[in-house]
Amino acid sequence: MTTVNIKNEMVKRKFFKWLKEAHGRCNATVNSIEKAILIYEDFTGLADFATFNSDKAVEFKEWLKKRKNKNNPLTLTTYCTYLRYMRTFFLWLAWQPGYKSKITVDTVDYLKPLEKEKRIATQYIPRNFPLQEYVIKLAGSINARTEIDKRDRAMISFTLLSGMRDKSIVTLPLGCFDENDLAIDQNPKLGVQTKFSKHVLTILPVFDDKLLGYLIEWVKLLKSKGYGSQDPLFPRAKADKGMDDLSFETASEVEPFFWQGTGRIREIFKKRSQEAGLPYYPPHTFRHLAFDLAFRSCKNGEEMKAISQNFGHEHIATMLSSYANYPTQRLSEIIKSMDFSGKPKETLVDQVKELIKKIEKRDNACMD
């Protein structure tokens, strides 16, 4: 049984090189596109890509809708993503020697989803995020007896105060945080993995003094241990050999090594929430809470722009479209607090006049 099509493999290799070198796509994106192409080859039985036509495109869409992913149908978001990746591939292929006369641009358009499918797939669903009181309670529930306890308490606090993504947090060196100016230099040149590798300068908004205290205490502890600027702000637990000299047990101390990936930070948040008897909220939901708290404090457009920049967004519209879609409870609170009566609001002059009337009335009463 044929398990590979040599011609297909050769053109795919050329395409992946084009993605990386000509378009600067990262390995994760290239791997995702490769997965979509493999799924298409599964549909065609490894047929030559040159056999692609409009009928095959329509058949592929119907087949893809019925495809199972871990015994569940593909979501519309995944379905539309696969089609987008395949359009990228075939549009590139349509200009390659040996394929120009067989694949046309208008044929590739048959890989587009229905407009309603695209709208459903791309609509933003508001994220449920915790309240500030939840974070304060979660951090405060940790009895800081060990370095691990202090690290976890500081990391939970930092995740809200900074509003940073978990990938940036686990790759942040100690030297990128200035505890005196409360400034964070999210610099990819220093190893910080930010979205789209953007250089972001973040100033910590002090939402709560206790949370900030946990963080400052942790930074001082690291520096007292001799940690340098290139060591992680939130290092992993020290690994000790077990009694059998083979297994490893988590120690109560940290060592100056970065985590590999973000899985561990999510495990810590889940573990600490269970210990506190609280529901689990992923680290990224703390970013939504940080935005909500910061946005409520904005009084003008200048402050909104500053908050947007502080979150790493170049445009306010990006911030509003991603984080200003409130969950049901918060939306209800905002609407119920608004005045829809149309009555003119009392001005400061009106308040002063009313106060003078009360004083005059009191003075007249005293004279009588």
Protein backbone atom coordinates (compact mmCIF):
# COMPACT_ATOMS: atom_id res chain seq x y z
CA MET A 1 0.00 0.00 0.00
CA THR A 2 1.35 3.43 -0.98
CA THR A 3 1.92 5.60 2.08
CA VAL A 4 3.57 8.56 0.36
CA ASN A 5 3.38 10.45 -2.91
CA ILE A 6 6.94 11.50 -3.81
CA LYS A 7 5.78 14.29 -6.16
CA ASN A 8 3.49 15.69 -3.49
CA GLU A 9 6.23 15.51 -0.87
CA MET A 10 8.67 17.41 -3.05
CA VAL A 11 6.25 20.25 -3.76
CA LYS A 12 5.19 20.41 -0.10
CA ARG A 13 8.81 20.79 0.97
CA LYS A 14 9.18 23.68 -1.45
CA PHE A 15 5.95 25.26 -0.15
CA PHE A 16 7.02 25.02 3.50
CA LYS A 17 10.34 26.65 2.67
CA TRP A 18 8.43 29.47 0.95
CA LEU A 19 6.23 29.93 4.04
CA LYS A 20 9.22 30.19 6.36
CA GLU A 21 11.75 32.09 4.30
CA ALA A 22 9.56 34.29 2.06
CA HIS A 23 6.68 34.95 4.45
CA GLY A 24 8.40 34.53 7.81
CA ARG A 25 5.85 32.06 9.18
CA CYS A 26 6.88 30.38 12.44
CA ASN A 27 7.22 26.62 12.84
CA ALA A 28 3.92 26.34 14.72
CA THR A 29 2.00 27.93 11.83
CA VAL A 30 3.78 25.80 9.24
CA ASN A 31 2.99 22.67 11.24
CA SER A 32 -0.69 23.62 11.38
CA ILE A 33 -0.81 24.14 7.60
CA GLU A 34 1.02 20.85 7.07
CA LYS A 35 -1.64 19.09 9.15
CA ALA A 36 -4.39 20.54 6.93
CA ILE A 37 -2.59 19.35 3.79
CA LEU A 38 -2.20 15.85 5.28
CA ILE A 39 -5.95 15.78 5.92
CA TYR A 40 -6.59 16.75 2.30
CA GLU A 41 -4.26 13.95 1.16
CA ASP A 42 -6.18 11.55 3.38
CA PHE A 43 -9.35 12.63 1.57
CA THR A 44 -7.83 12.11 -1.91
CA GLY A 45 -5.91 8.95 -1.05
CA LEU A 46 -2.57 10.69 -1.77
CA ALA A 47 -3.66 11.76 -5.25
CA ASP A 48 -1.48 14.18 -7.19
CA PHE A 49 -2.22 17.78 -6.16
CA ALA A 50 -2.53 18.59 -9.88
CA THR A 51 -5.84 16.68 -9.95
CA PHE A 52 -7.46 19.37 -7.80
CA ASN A 53 -10.59 20.90 -9.38
CA SER A 54 -13.84 22.58 -8.36
CA ASP A 55 -15.74 19.31 -7.92
CA LYS A 56 -13.02 17.91 -5.69
CA ALA A 57 -13.03 21.12 -3.64
CA VAL A 58 -16.78 20.82 -2.99
CA GLU A 59 -16.46 17.13 -2.16
CA PHE A 60 -13.60 17.88 0.23
CA LYS A 61 -15.70 20.44 2.11
CA GLU A 62 -18.55 17.97 2.57
CA TRP A 63 -16.11 15.23 3.64
CA LEU A 64 -14.40 17.58 6.07
CA LYS A 65 -17.68 18.49 7.77
CA LYS A 66 -18.27 14.80 8.52
CA ARG A 67 -14.73 14.16 9.75
CA LYS A 68 -14.35 13.32 13.43
CA ASN A 69 -11.79 14.74 15.80
CA LYS A 70 -11.49 12.56 18.92
CA ASN A 71 -14.97 11.17 18.20
CA ASN A 72 -16.41 14.69 17.92
CA PRO A 73 -17.32 16.58 14.73
CA LEU A 74 -14.97 19.37 13.70
CA THR A 75 -15.97 22.77 15.00
CA LEU A 76 -16.82 25.41 12.42
CA THR A 77 -13.74 27.35 13.51
CA THR A 78 -11.46 24.37 12.78
CA TYR A 79 -13.31 23.65 9.53
CA CYS A 80 -12.86 27.21 8.27
CA THR A 81 -9.23 27.25 9.38
CA TYR A 82 -8.42 24.10 7.40
CA LEU A 83 -10.08 25.56 4.31
CA ARG A 84 -8.11 28.79 4.70
CA TYR A 85 -4.86 26.86 4.93
CA MET A 86 -5.72 24.81 1.85
CA ARG A 87 -6.56 27.96 -0.12
CA THR A 88 -3.16 29.37 0.81
CA PHE A 89 -1.49 26.21 -0.46
CA PHE A 90 -3.39 25.90 -3.74
CA LEU A 91 -3.08 29.62 -4.54
CA TRP A 92 0.68 29.23 -4.22
CA LEU A 93 0.58 25.98 -6.21
CA ALA A 94 -1.35 27.63 -9.06
CA TRP A 95 1.78 29.68 -9.89
CA GLN A 96 4.25 26.81 -9.78
CA PRO A 97 5.70 25.10 -12.88
CA GLY A 98 3.74 21.98 -13.77
CA TYR A 99 0.59 23.22 -12.03
CA LYS A 100 -0.15 26.56 -13.73
CA SER A 101 -2.20 25.00 -16.52
CA LYS A 102 -4.07 22.66 -14.19
CA ILE A 103 -5.05 24.80 -11.21
CA THR A 104 -6.66 28.22 -11.61
CA VAL A 105 -7.27 30.91 -9.02
CA ASP A 106 -11.05 30.85 -9.51
CA THR A 107 -11.04 27.08 -8.88
CA VAL A 108 -9.34 27.64 -5.51
CA ASP A 109 -12.26 29.93 -4.54
CA TYR A 110 -14.42 26.80 -4.29
CA LEU A 111 -12.63 26.06 -1.02
CA LYS A 112 -14.31 29.04 0.65
CA PRO A 113 -16.88 28.28 3.36
CA LEU A 114 -20.40 29.73 3.29
CA GLU A 115 -20.63 33.31 4.52
CA LYS A 116 -22.82 32.29 7.46
CA GLU A 117 -20.34 29.55 8.39
CA LYS A 118 -17.53 32.07 8.34
CA ARG A 119 -19.49 34.53 10.50
CA ILE A 120 -20.29 31.86 13.08
CA ALA A 121 -16.70 30.60 13.08
CA THR A 122 -15.18 34.05 13.59
CA GLN A 123 -17.67 35.55 16.02
CA TYR A 124 -16.20 36.46 19.38
CA ILE A 125 -17.56 34.59 22.40
CA PRO A 126 -17.10 36.58 25.64
CA ARG A 127 -14.76 34.87 28.09
CA ASN A 128 -15.83 34.33 31.66
CA PHE A 129 -13.16 35.76 33.91
CA PRO A 130 -12.76 35.95 37.70
CA LEU A 131 -13.46 38.93 39.90
CA GLN A 132 -10.70 40.86 41.61
CA GLU A 133 -11.88 39.48 44.95
CA TYR A 134 -11.33 35.96 43.61
CA VAL A 135 -7.67 36.64 42.79
CA ILE A 136 -7.07 38.29 46.18
CA LYS A 137 -8.65 35.32 47.94
CA LEU A 138 -6.75 32.79 45.82
CA ALA A 139 -3.37 34.40 46.42
CA GLY A 140 -4.13 34.98 50.10
CA SER A 141 -5.14 31.34 50.61
CA ILE A 142 -1.56 30.17 50.01
CA ASN A 143 0.28 29.62 53.29
CA ALA A 144 3.72 30.77 52.18
CA ARG A 145 5.91 28.33 54.10
CA THR A 146 8.22 27.36 51.24
CA GLU A 147 9.79 29.03 48.23
CA ILE A 148 7.33 27.19 46.00
CA ASP A 149 4.42 28.67 47.97
CA LYS A 150 5.87 32.17 47.70
CA ARG A 151 6.55 31.71 43.98
CA ASP A 152 3.01 30.54 43.25
CA ARG A 153 1.48 33.36 45.29
CA ALA A 154 3.62 35.96 43.52
CA MET A 155 2.94 34.43 40.08
CA ILE A 156 -0.83 34.53 40.60
CA SER A 157 -0.54 38.15 41.70
CA PHE A 158 1.73 39.05 38.79
CA THR A 159 -0.58 37.46 36.24
CA LEU A 160 -3.36 39.87 37.19
CA LEU A 161 -1.21 42.95 37.80
CA SER A 162 0.68 42.63 34.52
CA GLY A 163 -2.15 41.29 32.35
CA MET A 164 0.54 39.37 30.45
CA ARG A 165 0.04 36.18 28.47
CA ASP A 166 1.24 32.99 30.13
CA LYS A 167 3.91 32.36 27.47
CA SER A 168 5.44 35.75 28.18
CA ILE A 169 5.30 35.19 31.94
CA VAL A 170 7.15 31.86 31.92
CA THR A 171 9.89 33.26 29.66
CA LEU A 172 10.35 36.57 31.52
CA PRO A 173 13.86 37.06 32.99
CA LEU A 174 14.23 38.68 36.39
CA GLY A 175 16.12 41.61 34.86
CA CYS A 176 13.11 42.54 32.71
CA PHE A 177 11.15 43.60 35.80
CA ASP A 178 12.02 46.84 37.57
CA GLU A 179 10.36 46.65 40.98
CA ASN A 180 11.15 50.32 41.72
CA ASP A 181 9.38 51.75 38.68
CA LEU A 182 6.99 48.77 38.39
CA ALA A 183 8.02 48.47 34.74
CA ILE A 184 8.19 45.26 32.70
CA ASP A 185 10.34 45.13 29.60
CA GLN A 186 8.77 42.41 27.45
CA ASN A 187 11.71 42.27 25.09
CA PRO A 188 11.94 39.35 22.63
CA LYS A 189 15.68 40.05 22.27
CA LEU A 190 16.02 39.08 25.93
CA GLY A 191 14.09 35.85 25.45
CA VAL A 192 10.55 37.01 26.29
CA GLN A 193 8.12 35.21 24.01
CA THR A 194 5.43 37.74 23.18
CA LYS A 195 2.64 37.49 20.62
CA PHE A 196 4.04 38.21 17.15
CA SER A 197 7.41 38.84 18.90
CA LYS A 198 6.39 42.43 19.68
CA HIS A 199 8.45 44.50 22.11
CA VAL A 200 6.05 45.62 24.84
CA LEU A 201 6.74 47.97 27.77
CA THR A 202 4.21 47.40 30.54
CA ILE A 203 3.73 49.50 33.66
CA LEU A 204 2.06 47.57 36.47
CA PRO A 205 -1.28 49.11 37.45
CA VAL A 206 -1.63 48.61 41.20
CA PHE A 207 -5.05 47.00 41.46
CA ASP A 208 -4.32 45.79 44.99
CA ASP A 209 -1.51 46.57 47.46
CA LYS A 210 -1.41 43.05 48.89
CA LEU A 211 -0.94 41.46 45.48
CA LEU A 212 1.88 43.90 44.73
CA GLY A 213 3.41 43.12 48.13
CA TYR A 214 3.51 39.38 47.35
CA LEU A 215 5.32 40.12 44.10
CA ILE A 216 7.91 42.51 45.59
CA GLU A 217 8.60 40.09 48.42
CA TRP A 218 9.29 37.35 45.86
CA VAL A 219 11.66 39.50 43.80
CA LYS A 220 13.65 40.40 46.91
CA LEU A 221 13.88 36.71 47.85
CA LEU A 222 15.28 35.79 44.44
CA LYS A 223 17.87 38.55 44.57
CA SER A 224 18.89 37.52 48.09
CA LYS A 225 19.54 34.03 46.70
CA GLY A 226 21.90 35.51 44.12
CA TYR A 227 19.60 35.28 41.09
CA GLY A 228 20.82 37.41 38.20
CA SER A 229 19.07 39.44 35.52
CA GLN A 230 19.03 36.53 33.06
CA ASP A 231 17.48 34.06 35.49
CA PRO A 232 13.71 33.46 35.37
CA LEU A 233 11.34 35.61 37.39
CA PHE A 234 9.31 32.48 38.08
CA PRO A 235 11.72 29.54 38.07
CA ARG A 236 10.78 25.88 38.18
CA ALA A 237 10.88 23.75 41.32
CA LYS A 238 14.19 22.13 42.16
CA ALA A 239 14.29 18.49 41.08
CA ASP A 240 15.73 16.09 43.64
CA LYS A 241 16.44 12.42 43.15
CA GLY A 242 14.22 10.07 45.10
CA MET A 243 15.44 7.36 47.43
CA ASP A 244 15.59 4.82 44.59
CA ASP A 245 17.98 7.19 42.77
CA LEU A 246 15.74 7.02 39.72
CA SER A 247 12.54 8.91 40.41
CA PHE A 248 12.32 12.63 41.00
CA GLU A 249 10.36 14.45 43.65
CA THR A 250 9.36 18.11 43.62
CA ALA A 251 11.37 19.98 46.24
CA SER A 252 10.28 22.98 48.30
CA GLU A 253 12.89 25.22 46.67
CA VAL A 254 13.31 26.69 43.20
CA GLU A 255 16.26 26.52 40.85
CA PRO A 256 17.25 29.04 38.15
CA PHE A 257 15.71 27.27 35.17
CA PHE A 258 12.86 28.32 32.90
CA TRP A 259 9.85 26.09 32.35
CA GLN A 260 9.51 24.36 29.00
CA GLY A 261 6.08 25.52 27.80
CA THR A 262 3.06 26.88 29.66
CA GLY A 263 1.51 23.63 30.87
CA ARG A 264 3.04 23.90 34.33
CA ILE A 265 1.65 27.37 35.06
CA ARG A 266 -1.87 26.14 34.28
CA GLU A 267 -1.33 23.13 36.54
CA ILE A 268 -0.30 25.45 39.37
CA PHE A 269 -3.38 27.66 38.94
CA LYS A 270 -5.61 24.58 38.93
CA LYS A 271 -3.92 23.05 41.98
CA ARG A 272 -4.04 26.25 44.01
CA SER A 273 -7.70 26.89 43.18
CA GLN A 274 -8.61 23.35 44.26
CA GLU A 275 -6.73 23.78 47.54
CA ALA A 276 -8.57 27.06 48.15
CA GLY A 277 -11.95 25.51 47.32
CA LEU A 278 -12.39 27.93 44.42
CA PRO A 279 -13.37 27.35 40.78
CA TYR A 280 -10.49 27.15 38.31
CA TYR A 281 -9.82 30.02 35.93
CA PRO A 282 -7.03 29.67 33.33
CA PRO A 283 -4.21 32.23 33.52
CA HIS A 284 -5.36 34.00 30.33
CA THR A 285 -8.69 34.92 31.96
CA PHE A 286 -6.70 37.04 34.41
CA ARG A 287 -5.67 39.15 31.41
CA HIS A 288 -9.36 39.78 30.70
CA LEU A 289 -9.88 40.82 34.33
CA ALA A 290 -6.85 43.12 34.19
CA PHE A 291 -8.28 44.82 31.12
CA ASP A 292 -11.70 45.17 32.75
CA LEU A 293 -10.25 46.79 35.87
CA ALA A 294 -7.98 49.11 33.86
CA PHE A 295 -10.68 50.08 31.37
CA ARG A 296 -13.10 51.05 34.14
CA SER A 297 -10.55 53.59 35.37
CA CYS A 298 -10.20 55.35 32.00
CA LYS A 299 -11.61 58.86 31.92
CA ASN A 300 -10.64 59.96 28.42
CA GLY A 301 -9.25 58.81 25.09
CA GLU A 302 -5.65 59.44 26.13
CA GLU A 303 -5.96 57.02 29.03
CA MET A 304 -7.67 54.42 26.82
CA LYS A 305 -4.77 54.63 24.37
CA ALA A 306 -2.28 54.26 27.23
CA ILE A 307 -4.05 51.13 28.53
CA SER A 308 -4.18 49.69 25.03
CA GLN A 309 -0.44 50.23 24.59
CA ASN A 310 0.22 48.82 28.05
CA PHE A 311 -1.49 45.59 26.97
CA GLY A 312 0.64 45.39 23.84
CA HIS A 313 -2.02 46.56 21.38
CA GLU A 314 -1.10 49.17 18.79
CA HIS A 315 -4.72 50.16 18.20
CA ILE A 316 -7.52 50.76 20.70
CA ALA A 317 -9.91 48.91 18.36
CA THR A 318 -7.93 45.70 18.85
CA MET A 319 -8.25 45.98 22.62
CA LEU A 320 -11.96 46.76 22.49
CA SER A 321 -12.79 43.96 20.04
CA SER A 322 -10.82 41.37 22.01
CA TYR A 323 -11.52 42.32 25.61
CA ALA A 324 -14.56 44.61 25.72
CA ASN A 325 -17.02 41.81 24.93
CA TYR A 326 -18.40 41.36 28.40
CA PRO A 327 -19.81 38.13 29.85
CA THR A 328 -23.53 38.13 30.66
CA GLN A 329 -23.21 39.07 34.33
CA ARG A 330 -20.92 42.05 33.74
CA LEU A 331 -22.99 43.23 30.77
CA SER A 332 -26.09 43.13 32.95
CA GLU A 333 -24.36 45.18 35.67
CA ILE A 334 -23.31 47.87 33.19
CA ILE A 335 -26.73 48.19 31.53
CA LYS A 336 -28.60 48.29 34.86
CA SER A 337 -26.32 51.03 36.18
CA MET A 338 -27.00 53.31 33.19
CA ASP A 339 -29.60 56.11 33.21
CA PHE A 340 -31.95 55.81 30.21
CA SER A 341 -34.53 58.31 31.50
CA GLY A 342 -33.24 61.16 29.35
CA LYS A 343 -33.51 63.53 32.31
CA PRO A 344 -30.75 66.15 32.52
CA LYS A 345 -28.13 65.19 35.06
CA GLU A 346 -27.49 67.46 38.03
CA THR A 347 -24.47 69.68 37.37
CA LEU A 348 -21.92 70.85 39.91
CA VAL A 349 -23.57 74.29 39.89
CA ASP A 350 -26.91 72.71 40.76
CA GLN A 351 -25.29 70.79 43.62
CA VAL A 352 -23.74 74.00 45.01
CA LYS A 353 -27.08 75.85 44.79
CA GLU A 354 -28.83 73.03 46.63
CA LEU A 355 -26.15 73.05 49.32
CA ILE A 356 -26.55 76.84 49.80
CA LYS A 357 -30.31 76.39 50.17
CA LYS A 358 -29.80 73.77 52.87
CA ILE A 359 -27.36 76.02 54.76
CA GLU A 360 -29.72 79.01 54.56
CA LYS A 361 -32.61 76.88 55.73
CA ARG A 362 -30.57 75.61 58.68
CA ASP A 363 -29.42 79.14 59.62
CA ASN A 364 -33.01 80.46 59.47
CA ALA A 365 -34.15 77.62 61.69
CA CYS A 366 -31.45 78.50 64.25
CA MET A 367 -32.48 82.19 64.25
CA ASP A 368 -36.07 81.28 64.91
